[in-house]
Amino acid sequence: MSTPHRIVVGISGASGAAVGLRIVELLATTDCELHLVVSAAAERTIAYEVGDKALHHTLELVDRHHDFNDVGASIASGSFRTSGMIVAPCSIRTLSAIATGNLDNLLVRAADVQLKERRRLVLMLRETPLHLGHIRAMAQVTEIGGIVAPISPAFYQRPRSLSEMIDHIALRAIGLLGLDDLQLSAPEWSDDTPPTCPKS
């Protein structure tokens, strides 16, 4: 019998909170052991963008909710084996802190652990436009092993609603962990579908 994957999800204060919440919902349908850390800014963003009850619902889905300031939590140690981590959304402040090793809270510490232990770290950046400092931080975190995956809608999927768009983004992020046995990934692109022209 295989051991369930341990996956860490971090939610920072950037806009796009619904993506992080949806990732948790999707992962909760599997047998993985799910760990969550949410920044104080993220709590405010979640309440504003998704609603006051959204975070409470999400906390009921995870195996462990870690305090943002508890740098001594299990996920802050490399000896606590995980199958990877997703930060969604990932603010430029959080990405820059990870890139430079500024580990002053549990979210960035847990992310740093993934990198030092050579595990998958997916950072769903939510920032635009970008100045050169942002771009350099993205390059730096990529050089040390992180995967920068901006929250970008896949228009070629022709989403019929915001929910469909969020689902695709969330599934794409989960797929980047490389855990095929979870059977959670975005639909593969196929060039067999003939193009159609929208009605004018």
N, C-alpha and C. Protein backbone atom coordinates (compact mmCIF):
# COMPACT_ATOMS: atom_id res chain seq x y z
N MET A 1 0.84 -1.18 0.00
CA MET A 1 0.00 0.00 0.00
C MET A 1 0.88 1.24 0.00
N SER A 2 0.61 2.17 -0.91
CA SER A 2 1.44 3.36 -1.02
C SER A 2 1.09 4.37 0.07
N THR A 3 2.10 5.16 0.46
CA THR A 3 1.89 6.19 1.46
C THR A 3 1.28 7.41 0.80
N PRO A 4 0.24 8.02 1.38
CA PRO A 4 -0.35 9.22 0.78
C PRO A 4 0.67 10.34 0.67
N HIS A 5 0.56 11.12 -0.38
CA HIS A 5 1.43 12.27 -0.54
C HIS A 5 1.12 13.31 0.53
N ARG A 6 2.18 13.96 1.01
CA ARG A 6 2.02 15.15 1.84
C ARG A 6 2.24 16.36 0.94
N ILE A 7 1.28 17.24 0.91
CA ILE A 7 1.40 18.43 0.08
C ILE A 7 1.13 19.66 0.94
N VAL A 8 1.97 20.68 0.75
CA VAL A 8 1.82 21.94 1.46
C VAL A 8 1.23 22.97 0.51
N VAL A 9 0.23 23.70 0.97
CA VAL A 9 -0.33 24.81 0.20
C VAL A 9 -0.17 26.07 1.03
N GLY A 10 0.40 27.09 0.41
CA GLY A 10 0.53 28.39 1.04
C GLY A 10 -0.33 29.40 0.30
N ILE A 11 -0.98 30.27 1.04
CA ILE A 11 -1.78 31.33 0.42
C ILE A 11 -1.26 32.66 0.95
N SER A 12 -0.74 33.49 0.05
CA SER A 12 -0.24 34.81 0.45
C SER A 12 -1.31 35.86 0.16
N GLY A 13 -0.98 37.12 0.41
CA GLY A 13 -1.99 38.17 0.36
C GLY A 13 -2.28 38.75 -0.99
N ALA A 14 -1.72 38.22 -2.05
CA ALA A 14 -1.98 38.75 -3.39
C ALA A 14 -3.42 38.49 -3.80
N SER A 15 -3.87 39.22 -4.80
CA SER A 15 -5.19 38.97 -5.36
C SER A 15 -5.19 37.61 -6.06
N GLY A 16 -6.37 36.99 -6.14
CA GLY A 16 -6.47 35.68 -6.75
C GLY A 16 -6.63 34.58 -5.71
N ALA A 17 -7.17 34.95 -4.55
CA ALA A 17 -7.32 33.99 -3.45
C ALA A 17 -8.14 32.77 -3.83
N ALA A 18 -9.09 32.95 -4.74
CA ALA A 18 -9.95 31.83 -5.13
C ALA A 18 -9.16 30.68 -5.72
N VAL A 19 -8.03 30.98 -6.35
CA VAL A 19 -7.21 29.93 -6.94
C VAL A 19 -6.62 29.03 -5.85
N GLY A 20 -6.07 29.64 -4.81
CA GLY A 20 -5.52 28.85 -3.71
C GLY A 20 -6.57 28.01 -3.02
N LEU A 21 -7.73 28.59 -2.82
CA LEU A 21 -8.82 27.85 -2.17
C LEU A 21 -9.27 26.67 -3.02
N ARG A 22 -9.32 26.88 -4.34
CA ARG A 22 -9.74 25.80 -5.22
C ARG A 22 -8.71 24.68 -5.27
N ILE A 23 -7.44 25.03 -5.21
CA ILE A 23 -6.39 24.02 -5.17
C ILE A 23 -6.58 23.12 -3.94
N VAL A 24 -6.88 23.73 -2.80
CA VAL A 24 -7.14 22.95 -1.58
C VAL A 24 -8.35 22.04 -1.79
N GLU A 25 -9.42 22.57 -2.35
CA GLU A 25 -10.62 21.76 -2.58
C GLU A 25 -10.34 20.55 -3.46
N LEU A 26 -9.58 20.77 -4.51
CA LEU A 26 -9.26 19.67 -5.44
C LEU A 26 -8.36 18.63 -4.78
N LEU A 27 -7.35 19.08 -4.07
CA LEU A 27 -6.44 18.15 -3.40
C LEU A 27 -7.16 17.38 -2.29
N ALA A 28 -8.16 18.00 -1.70
CA ALA A 28 -8.91 17.33 -0.62
C ALA A 28 -9.75 16.16 -1.14
N THR A 29 -9.94 16.07 -2.44
CA THR A 29 -10.67 14.93 -3.01
C THR A 29 -9.77 13.71 -3.16
N THR A 30 -8.48 13.86 -2.92
CA THR A 30 -7.53 12.74 -3.00
C THR A 30 -7.22 12.25 -1.59
N ASP A 31 -6.35 11.24 -1.49
CA ASP A 31 -5.98 10.75 -0.16
C ASP A 31 -4.69 11.39 0.35
N CYS A 32 -4.31 12.53 -0.24
CA CYS A 32 -3.07 13.17 0.21
C CYS A 32 -3.26 13.80 1.59
N GLU A 33 -2.17 13.96 2.29
CA GLU A 33 -2.15 14.65 3.59
C GLU A 33 -1.88 16.11 3.31
N LEU A 34 -2.82 16.96 3.64
CA LEU A 34 -2.80 18.35 3.18
C LEU A 34 -2.48 19.30 4.32
N HIS A 35 -1.42 20.10 4.11
CA HIS A 35 -1.00 21.10 5.10
C HIS A 35 -1.18 22.49 4.51
N LEU A 36 -1.70 23.41 5.31
CA LEU A 36 -2.03 24.75 4.82
C LEU A 36 -1.43 25.81 5.73
N VAL A 37 -0.87 26.85 5.11
CA VAL A 37 -0.42 28.03 5.85
C VAL A 37 -0.92 29.26 5.10
N VAL A 38 -1.55 30.17 5.84
CA VAL A 38 -2.20 31.35 5.26
C VAL A 38 -1.67 32.60 5.95
N SER A 39 -1.24 33.57 5.16
CA SER A 39 -0.73 34.80 5.75
C SER A 39 -1.89 35.67 6.25
N ALA A 40 -1.58 36.61 7.13
CA ALA A 40 -2.60 37.53 7.64
C ALA A 40 -3.19 38.35 6.51
N ALA A 41 -2.35 38.78 5.58
CA ALA A 41 -2.84 39.54 4.43
C ALA A 41 -3.76 38.68 3.57
N ALA A 42 -3.45 37.39 3.48
CA ALA A 42 -4.30 36.48 2.69
C ALA A 42 -5.67 36.35 3.32
N GLU A 43 -5.74 36.29 4.64
CA GLU A 43 -7.03 36.20 5.31
C GLU A 43 -7.91 37.38 4.94
N ARG A 44 -7.31 38.55 4.87
CA ARG A 44 -8.06 39.75 4.49
C ARG A 44 -8.50 39.68 3.03
N THR A 45 -7.59 39.24 2.16
CA THR A 45 -7.92 39.14 0.74
C THR A 45 -9.01 38.11 0.49
N ILE A 46 -8.92 36.97 1.16
CA ILE A 46 -9.94 35.92 1.01
C ILE A 46 -11.32 36.46 1.39
N ALA A 47 -11.39 37.16 2.52
CA ALA A 47 -12.67 37.71 2.98
C ALA A 47 -13.23 38.70 1.96
N TYR A 48 -12.35 39.50 1.37
CA TYR A 48 -12.80 40.52 0.41
C TYR A 48 -13.20 39.92 -0.93
N GLU A 49 -12.39 38.99 -1.43
CA GLU A 49 -12.60 38.47 -2.79
C GLU A 49 -13.57 37.29 -2.85
N VAL A 50 -13.59 36.48 -1.81
CA VAL A 50 -14.37 35.24 -1.86
C VAL A 50 -15.51 35.22 -0.84
N GLY A 51 -15.31 35.87 0.30
CA GLY A 51 -16.36 35.92 1.31
C GLY A 51 -15.85 35.53 2.68
N ASP A 52 -16.57 35.98 3.70
CA ASP A 52 -16.14 35.78 5.09
C ASP A 52 -16.06 34.31 5.49
N LYS A 53 -16.88 33.46 4.89
CA LYS A 53 -16.94 32.05 5.31
C LYS A 53 -16.01 31.15 4.51
N ALA A 54 -15.38 31.70 3.47
CA ALA A 54 -14.57 30.87 2.57
C ALA A 54 -13.39 30.22 3.27
N LEU A 55 -12.70 30.97 4.10
CA LEU A 55 -11.52 30.41 4.77
C LEU A 55 -11.92 29.32 5.76
N HIS A 56 -13.00 29.54 6.48
CA HIS A 56 -13.47 28.53 7.44
C HIS A 56 -13.76 27.21 6.73
N HIS A 57 -14.42 27.28 5.57
CA HIS A 57 -14.70 26.07 4.79
C HIS A 57 -13.40 25.38 4.38
N THR A 58 -12.42 26.16 3.96
CA THR A 58 -11.15 25.60 3.50
C THR A 58 -10.41 24.91 4.65
N LEU A 59 -10.44 25.52 5.82
CA LEU A 59 -9.74 24.94 6.97
C LEU A 59 -10.31 23.58 7.35
N GLU A 60 -11.57 23.36 7.07
CA GLU A 60 -12.20 22.06 7.37
C GLU A 60 -11.72 20.96 6.42
N LEU A 61 -11.11 21.34 5.30
CA LEU A 61 -10.71 20.36 4.30
C LEU A 61 -9.28 19.85 4.49
N VAL A 62 -8.48 20.57 5.26
CA VAL A 62 -7.06 20.21 5.37
C VAL A 62 -6.81 19.35 6.60
N ASP A 63 -5.71 18.61 6.57
CA ASP A 63 -5.31 17.80 7.71
C ASP A 63 -4.68 18.64 8.81
N ARG A 64 -3.98 19.70 8.40
CA ARG A 64 -3.31 20.54 9.39
C ARG A 64 -3.24 21.97 8.88
N HIS A 65 -3.70 22.90 9.70
CA HIS A 65 -3.57 24.33 9.41
C HIS A 65 -2.50 24.88 10.33
N HIS A 66 -1.43 25.41 9.75
CA HIS A 66 -0.29 25.90 10.52
C HIS A 66 -0.35 27.42 10.66
N ASP A 67 -0.02 27.89 11.85
CA ASP A 67 0.02 29.33 12.08
C ASP A 67 1.13 29.97 11.26
N PHE A 68 0.82 31.08 10.65
CA PHE A 68 1.74 31.80 9.76
C PHE A 68 3.05 32.16 10.46
N ASN A 69 3.00 32.41 11.75
CA ASN A 69 4.19 32.84 12.49
C ASN A 69 4.92 31.71 13.20
N ASP A 70 4.44 30.49 13.06
CA ASP A 70 5.04 29.36 13.77
C ASP A 70 6.18 28.77 12.95
N VAL A 71 7.36 29.38 13.05
CA VAL A 71 8.49 28.92 12.26
C VAL A 71 9.06 27.59 12.77
N GLY A 72 8.51 27.10 13.88
CA GLY A 72 8.92 25.80 14.40
C GLY A 72 7.96 24.69 14.01
N ALA A 73 7.03 24.96 13.11
CA ALA A 73 6.05 23.95 12.69
C ALA A 73 6.74 22.83 11.91
N SER A 74 6.05 21.71 11.78
CA SER A 74 6.63 20.54 11.10
C SER A 74 7.08 20.87 9.67
N ILE A 75 6.31 21.66 8.95
CA ILE A 75 6.63 21.94 7.55
C ILE A 75 7.83 22.86 7.40
N ALA A 76 8.36 23.36 8.52
CA ALA A 76 9.56 24.19 8.48
C ALA A 76 10.84 23.36 8.54
N SER A 77 10.69 22.04 8.63
CA SER A 77 11.85 21.16 8.75
C SER A 77 12.01 20.28 7.52
N GLY A 78 13.23 20.15 7.06
CA GLY A 78 13.51 19.28 5.93
C GLY A 78 13.30 17.82 6.24
N SER A 79 13.34 17.45 7.51
CA SER A 79 13.13 16.05 7.89
C SER A 79 11.66 15.65 7.79
N PHE A 80 10.78 16.63 7.65
CA PHE A 80 9.35 16.37 7.45
C PHE A 80 9.13 16.23 5.95
N ARG A 81 9.06 14.98 5.49
CA ARG A 81 9.03 14.71 4.06
C ARG A 81 7.70 15.13 3.44
N THR A 82 7.79 15.84 2.35
CA THR A 82 6.60 16.23 1.60
C THR A 82 6.82 15.93 0.12
N SER A 83 5.73 15.99 -0.63
CA SER A 83 5.80 15.76 -2.09
C SER A 83 5.81 17.06 -2.87
N GLY A 84 5.89 18.18 -2.16
CA GLY A 84 5.95 19.47 -2.83
C GLY A 84 5.03 20.49 -2.19
N MET A 85 5.11 21.71 -2.74
CA MET A 85 4.35 22.84 -2.19
C MET A 85 3.90 23.75 -3.30
N ILE A 86 2.70 24.29 -3.15
CA ILE A 86 2.17 25.30 -4.06
C ILE A 86 1.86 26.54 -3.24
N VAL A 87 2.31 27.70 -3.71
CA VAL A 87 1.92 28.98 -3.12
C VAL A 87 1.01 29.67 -4.11
N ALA A 88 -0.27 29.82 -3.75
CA ALA A 88 -1.26 30.35 -4.67
C ALA A 88 -2.32 31.16 -3.93
N PRO A 89 -2.45 32.43 -4.23
CA PRO A 89 -1.56 33.20 -5.08
C PRO A 89 -0.25 33.50 -4.35
N CYS A 90 0.76 33.84 -5.11
CA CYS A 90 2.06 34.20 -4.55
C CYS A 90 2.32 35.68 -4.82
N SER A 91 2.38 36.46 -3.78
CA SER A 91 2.67 37.88 -3.94
C SER A 91 4.13 38.07 -4.34
N ILE A 92 4.44 39.21 -4.91
CA ILE A 92 5.83 39.48 -5.28
C ILE A 92 6.69 39.62 -4.03
N ARG A 93 6.09 40.04 -2.92
CA ARG A 93 6.83 40.13 -1.66
C ARG A 93 7.25 38.73 -1.20
N THR A 94 6.30 37.78 -1.29
CA THR A 94 6.60 36.40 -0.89
C THR A 94 7.62 35.78 -1.82
N LEU A 95 7.45 35.96 -3.13
CA LEU A 95 8.41 35.40 -4.09
C LEU A 95 9.80 35.97 -3.85
N SER A 96 9.89 37.28 -3.64
CA SER A 96 11.19 37.92 -3.42
C SER A 96 11.85 37.41 -2.14
N ALA A 97 11.04 37.21 -1.09
CA ALA A 97 11.59 36.69 0.17
C ALA A 97 12.14 35.28 -0.02
N ILE A 98 11.43 34.46 -0.78
CA ILE A 98 11.90 33.09 -1.06
C ILE A 98 13.18 33.14 -1.87
N ALA A 99 13.22 34.03 -2.85
CA ALA A 99 14.39 34.13 -3.73
C ALA A 99 15.64 34.54 -2.98
N THR A 100 15.48 35.38 -1.94
CA THR A 100 16.64 35.92 -1.23
C THR A 100 16.89 35.25 0.12
N GLY A 101 16.06 34.26 0.46
CA GLY A 101 16.25 33.57 1.73
C GLY A 101 15.87 34.40 2.94
N ASN A 102 14.93 35.32 2.78
CA ASN A 102 14.45 36.15 3.89
C ASN A 102 13.31 35.42 4.59
N LEU A 103 13.66 34.51 5.50
CA LEU A 103 12.72 33.53 6.02
C LEU A 103 12.13 33.96 7.36
N ASP A 104 11.28 35.00 7.32
CA ASP A 104 10.77 35.56 8.56
C ASP A 104 9.37 35.09 8.92
N ASN A 105 8.82 34.13 8.18
CA ASN A 105 7.52 33.56 8.54
C ASN A 105 7.46 32.12 8.03
N LEU A 106 6.42 31.41 8.43
CA LEU A 106 6.35 29.98 8.10
C LEU A 106 6.14 29.73 6.62
N LEU A 107 5.40 30.60 5.96
CA LEU A 107 5.13 30.37 4.53
C LEU A 107 6.43 30.34 3.73
N VAL A 108 7.27 31.36 3.93
CA VAL A 108 8.52 31.40 3.15
C VAL A 108 9.51 30.36 3.66
N ARG A 109 9.48 30.05 4.95
CA ARG A 109 10.37 29.01 5.48
C ARG A 109 10.01 27.65 4.88
N ALA A 110 8.71 27.34 4.84
CA ALA A 110 8.29 26.06 4.26
C ALA A 110 8.66 25.98 2.79
N ALA A 111 8.54 27.10 2.08
CA ALA A 111 8.92 27.13 0.67
C ALA A 111 10.43 26.92 0.51
N ASP A 112 11.21 27.53 1.38
CA ASP A 112 12.66 27.38 1.33
C ASP A 112 13.07 25.93 1.58
N VAL A 113 12.35 25.26 2.48
CA VAL A 113 12.62 23.85 2.75
C VAL A 113 12.44 23.01 1.49
N GLN A 114 11.40 23.30 0.71
CA GLN A 114 11.19 22.54 -0.53
C GLN A 114 12.41 22.68 -1.45
N LEU A 115 12.94 23.89 -1.53
CA LEU A 115 14.07 24.14 -2.42
C LEU A 115 15.34 23.45 -1.93
N LYS A 116 15.60 23.56 -0.64
CA LYS A 116 16.86 22.97 -0.14
C LYS A 116 16.82 21.45 -0.16
N GLU A 117 15.61 20.88 -0.08
CA GLU A 117 15.47 19.42 -0.14
C GLU A 117 15.22 18.92 -1.56
N ARG A 118 15.30 19.84 -2.52
CA ARG A 118 15.13 19.51 -3.95
C ARG A 118 13.75 18.92 -4.24
N ARG A 119 12.74 19.55 -3.66
CA ARG A 119 11.35 19.16 -3.92
C ARG A 119 10.68 20.21 -4.79
N ARG A 120 9.54 19.87 -5.36
CA ARG A 120 8.84 20.80 -6.24
C ARG A 120 8.24 21.96 -5.43
N LEU A 121 8.47 23.16 -5.92
CA LEU A 121 7.87 24.37 -5.36
C LEU A 121 7.26 25.17 -6.50
N VAL A 122 5.93 25.32 -6.49
CA VAL A 122 5.22 26.04 -7.53
C VAL A 122 4.74 27.36 -6.96
N LEU A 123 5.18 28.46 -7.55
CA LEU A 123 4.83 29.80 -7.09
C LEU A 123 3.91 30.46 -8.12
N MET A 124 2.65 30.61 -7.77
CA MET A 124 1.66 31.17 -8.69
C MET A 124 1.61 32.69 -8.51
N LEU A 125 2.54 33.33 -9.19
CA LEU A 125 2.72 34.77 -9.07
C LEU A 125 1.47 35.52 -9.54
N ARG A 126 1.10 36.52 -8.77
CA ARG A 126 -0.03 37.37 -9.15
C ARG A 126 0.42 38.82 -9.01
N GLU A 127 0.98 39.35 -10.09
CA GLU A 127 1.45 40.73 -10.10
C GLU A 127 1.55 41.21 -11.54
N THR A 128 1.15 42.43 -11.78
CA THR A 128 1.29 43.04 -13.11
C THR A 128 1.03 44.54 -13.00
N PRO A 129 1.79 45.35 -13.75
CA PRO A 129 2.94 45.00 -14.56
C PRO A 129 4.16 44.71 -13.68
N LEU A 130 5.22 44.24 -14.29
CA LEU A 130 6.43 43.86 -13.57
C LEU A 130 7.56 44.84 -13.86
N HIS A 131 8.25 45.28 -12.81
CA HIS A 131 9.47 46.05 -13.05
C HIS A 131 10.68 45.12 -13.00
N LEU A 132 11.85 45.65 -13.28
CA LEU A 132 13.04 44.82 -13.41
C LEU A 132 13.38 44.08 -12.14
N GLY A 133 13.11 44.70 -10.99
CA GLY A 133 13.37 44.01 -9.72
C GLY A 133 12.51 42.76 -9.57
N HIS A 134 11.25 42.85 -9.99
CA HIS A 134 10.37 41.67 -9.96
C HIS A 134 10.92 40.57 -10.86
N ILE A 135 11.31 40.96 -12.05
CA ILE A 135 11.79 39.98 -13.04
C ILE A 135 13.08 39.32 -12.54
N ARG A 136 13.94 40.09 -11.92
CA ARG A 136 15.18 39.51 -11.38
C ARG A 136 14.89 38.53 -10.24
N ALA A 137 13.90 38.85 -9.41
CA ALA A 137 13.52 37.93 -8.34
C ALA A 137 12.95 36.64 -8.91
N MET A 138 12.17 36.76 -9.98
CA MET A 138 11.63 35.58 -10.64
C MET A 138 12.75 34.72 -11.21
N ALA A 139 13.74 35.37 -11.81
CA ALA A 139 14.88 34.63 -12.36
C ALA A 139 15.66 33.95 -11.24
N GLN A 140 15.85 34.66 -10.13
CA GLN A 140 16.63 34.10 -9.02
C GLN A 140 15.95 32.88 -8.41
N VAL A 141 14.64 32.97 -8.21
CA VAL A 141 13.95 31.82 -7.60
C VAL A 141 13.90 30.64 -8.58
N THR A 142 13.89 30.93 -9.87
CA THR A 142 13.94 29.86 -10.88
C THR A 142 15.31 29.18 -10.86
N GLU A 143 16.35 29.98 -10.73
CA GLU A 143 17.71 29.43 -10.71
C GLU A 143 17.94 28.50 -9.52
N ILE A 144 17.25 28.74 -8.41
CA ILE A 144 17.45 27.89 -7.24
C ILE A 144 16.43 26.75 -7.16
N GLY A 145 15.62 26.60 -8.21
CA GLY A 145 14.78 25.40 -8.30
C GLY A 145 13.29 25.60 -8.24
N GLY A 146 12.81 26.84 -8.03
CA GLY A 146 11.38 27.08 -7.99
C GLY A 146 10.76 27.12 -9.38
N ILE A 147 9.46 26.88 -9.43
CA ILE A 147 8.71 26.97 -10.69
C ILE A 147 7.79 28.18 -10.57
N VAL A 148 8.04 29.21 -11.37
CA VAL A 148 7.20 30.41 -11.37
C VAL A 148 6.09 30.19 -12.39
N ALA A 149 4.87 30.15 -11.90
CA ALA A 149 3.71 29.89 -12.77
C ALA A 149 2.69 31.00 -12.53
N PRO A 150 2.80 32.09 -13.26
CA PRO A 150 1.85 33.20 -13.06
C PRO A 150 0.40 32.74 -13.26
N ILE A 151 -0.49 33.36 -12.51
CA ILE A 151 -1.91 33.06 -12.67
C ILE A 151 -2.37 33.65 -14.00
N SER A 152 -2.42 32.78 -15.01
CA SER A 152 -2.78 33.20 -16.36
C SER A 152 -3.91 32.33 -16.88
N PRO A 153 -5.00 32.94 -17.33
CA PRO A 153 -6.11 32.14 -17.86
C PRO A 153 -5.76 31.51 -19.20
N ALA A 154 -6.24 30.30 -19.43
CA ALA A 154 -6.02 29.60 -20.70
C ALA A 154 -7.23 29.88 -21.61
N PHE A 155 -7.14 30.93 -22.37
CA PHE A 155 -8.28 31.31 -23.21
C PHE A 155 -8.58 30.27 -24.28
N TYR A 156 -7.56 29.48 -24.66
CA TYR A 156 -7.78 28.47 -25.69
C TYR A 156 -8.73 27.37 -25.22
N GLN A 157 -8.94 27.28 -23.91
CA GLN A 157 -9.89 26.31 -23.37
C GLN A 157 -11.34 26.82 -23.49
N ARG A 158 -11.49 28.06 -23.91
CA ARG A 158 -12.81 28.69 -24.05
C ARG A 158 -13.65 28.55 -22.79
N PRO A 159 -13.15 29.02 -21.66
CA PRO A 159 -13.91 28.90 -20.42
C PRO A 159 -15.24 29.65 -20.51
N ARG A 160 -16.27 29.02 -20.00
CA ARG A 160 -17.61 29.60 -20.06
C ARG A 160 -17.94 30.40 -18.81
N SER A 161 -17.07 30.33 -17.81
CA SER A 161 -17.31 31.05 -16.56
C SER A 161 -15.99 31.28 -15.84
N LEU A 162 -16.04 32.16 -14.86
CA LEU A 162 -14.86 32.39 -14.02
C LEU A 162 -14.49 31.11 -13.27
N SER A 163 -15.48 30.34 -12.86
CA SER A 163 -15.21 29.08 -12.14
C SER A 163 -14.42 28.11 -13.01
N GLU A 164 -14.79 27.99 -14.28
CA GLU A 164 -14.06 27.10 -15.19
C GLU A 164 -12.62 27.57 -15.36
N MET A 165 -12.45 28.88 -15.44
CA MET A 165 -11.10 29.44 -15.59
C MET A 165 -10.25 29.14 -14.37
N ILE A 166 -10.83 29.32 -13.17
CA ILE A 166 -10.12 29.04 -11.93
C ILE A 166 -9.78 27.56 -11.83
N ASP A 167 -10.71 26.70 -12.22
CA ASP A 167 -10.46 25.25 -12.18
C ASP A 167 -9.25 24.88 -13.03
N HIS A 168 -9.18 25.43 -14.23
CA HIS A 168 -8.06 25.10 -15.13
C HIS A 168 -6.74 25.58 -14.54
N ILE A 169 -6.73 26.79 -13.99
CA ILE A 169 -5.51 27.33 -13.40
C ILE A 169 -5.07 26.46 -12.21
N ALA A 170 -6.04 26.07 -11.38
CA ALA A 170 -5.73 25.25 -10.21
C ALA A 170 -5.21 23.88 -10.61
N LEU A 171 -5.85 23.26 -11.59
CA LEU A 171 -5.40 21.94 -12.05
C LEU A 171 -4.03 22.01 -12.69
N ARG A 172 -3.76 23.08 -13.40
CA ARG A 172 -2.44 23.26 -14.02
C ARG A 172 -1.36 23.33 -12.94
N ALA A 173 -1.65 24.04 -11.86
CA ALA A 173 -0.68 24.16 -10.76
C ALA A 173 -0.42 22.81 -10.11
N ILE A 174 -1.48 22.07 -9.84
CA ILE A 174 -1.34 20.75 -9.22
C ILE A 174 -0.53 19.83 -10.13
N GLY A 175 -0.79 19.91 -11.43
CA GLY A 175 -0.05 19.10 -12.39
C GLY A 175 1.45 19.37 -12.37
N LEU A 176 1.83 20.60 -12.04
CA LEU A 176 3.25 20.96 -12.01
C LEU A 176 4.00 20.29 -10.86
N LEU A 177 3.28 19.73 -9.91
CA LEU A 177 3.94 18.96 -8.84
C LEU A 177 4.49 17.64 -9.36
N GLY A 178 3.98 17.19 -10.51
CA GLY A 178 4.48 15.96 -11.12
C GLY A 178 4.00 14.70 -10.43
N LEU A 179 2.87 14.77 -9.76
CA LEU A 179 2.34 13.61 -9.03
C LEU A 179 1.19 13.01 -9.83
N ASP A 180 1.55 12.23 -10.83
CA ASP A 180 0.55 11.72 -11.76
C ASP A 180 -0.50 10.83 -11.10
N ASP A 181 -0.10 10.16 -10.00
CA ASP A 181 -1.05 9.26 -9.35
C ASP A 181 -2.20 9.99 -8.66
N LEU A 182 -2.07 11.31 -8.50
CA LEU A 182 -3.19 12.08 -7.95
C LEU A 182 -4.34 12.17 -8.95
N GLN A 183 -4.01 12.01 -10.22
CA GLN A 183 -5.00 12.08 -11.30
C GLN A 183 -5.74 13.41 -11.27
N LEU A 184 -4.98 14.46 -11.00
CA LEU A 184 -5.51 15.82 -11.03
C LEU A 184 -4.60 16.65 -11.92
N SER A 185 -5.02 16.94 -13.10
CA SER A 185 -4.24 17.79 -14.00
C SER A 185 -5.17 18.41 -15.02
N ALA A 186 -4.73 19.50 -15.58
CA ALA A 186 -5.53 20.19 -16.59
C ALA A 186 -5.62 19.34 -17.85
N PRO A 187 -6.70 19.48 -18.62
CA PRO A 187 -6.81 18.72 -19.87
C PRO A 187 -5.65 19.01 -20.82
N GLU A 188 -5.16 17.97 -21.46
CA GLU A 188 -4.07 18.16 -22.42
C GLU A 188 -4.58 18.83 -23.68
N TRP A 189 -3.73 19.65 -24.25
CA TRP A 189 -4.07 20.30 -25.51
C TRP A 189 -4.00 19.28 -26.64
N SER A 190 -4.95 19.36 -27.53
CA SER A 190 -4.95 18.49 -28.70
C SER A 190 -5.19 19.34 -29.93
N ASP A 191 -4.41 19.11 -30.97
CA ASP A 191 -4.62 19.87 -32.21
C ASP A 191 -5.60 19.15 -33.14
N ASP A 192 -6.28 18.12 -32.62
CA ASP A 192 -7.27 17.39 -33.43
C ASP A 192 -8.61 18.11 -33.49
N THR A 193 -8.82 19.07 -32.58
CA THR A 193 -10.10 19.78 -32.56
C THR A 193 -10.09 20.86 -33.63
N PRO A 194 -11.02 20.79 -34.58
CA PRO A 194 -11.03 21.82 -35.62
C PRO A 194 -11.43 23.17 -35.06
N PRO A 195 -10.78 24.24 -35.51
CA PRO A 195 -11.11 25.58 -35.00
C PRO A 195 -12.51 25.99 -35.44
N THR A 196 -13.16 26.77 -34.63
CA THR A 196 -14.45 27.32 -34.99
C THR A 196 -14.40 28.84 -34.89
N CYS A 197 -15.15 29.48 -35.73
CA CYS A 197 -15.18 30.94 -35.72
C CYS A 197 -16.37 31.41 -34.90
N PRO A 198 -16.15 32.33 -33.97
CA PRO A 198 -17.28 32.84 -33.19
C PRO A 198 -18.21 33.66 -34.07
N LYS A 199 -19.48 33.64 -33.70
CA LYS A 199 -20.45 34.44 -34.43
C LYS A 199 -20.20 35.91 -34.16
N SER A 200 -20.30 36.70 -35.20
CA SER A 200 -20.06 38.14 -35.03
C SER A 200 -21.34 38.85 -34.59
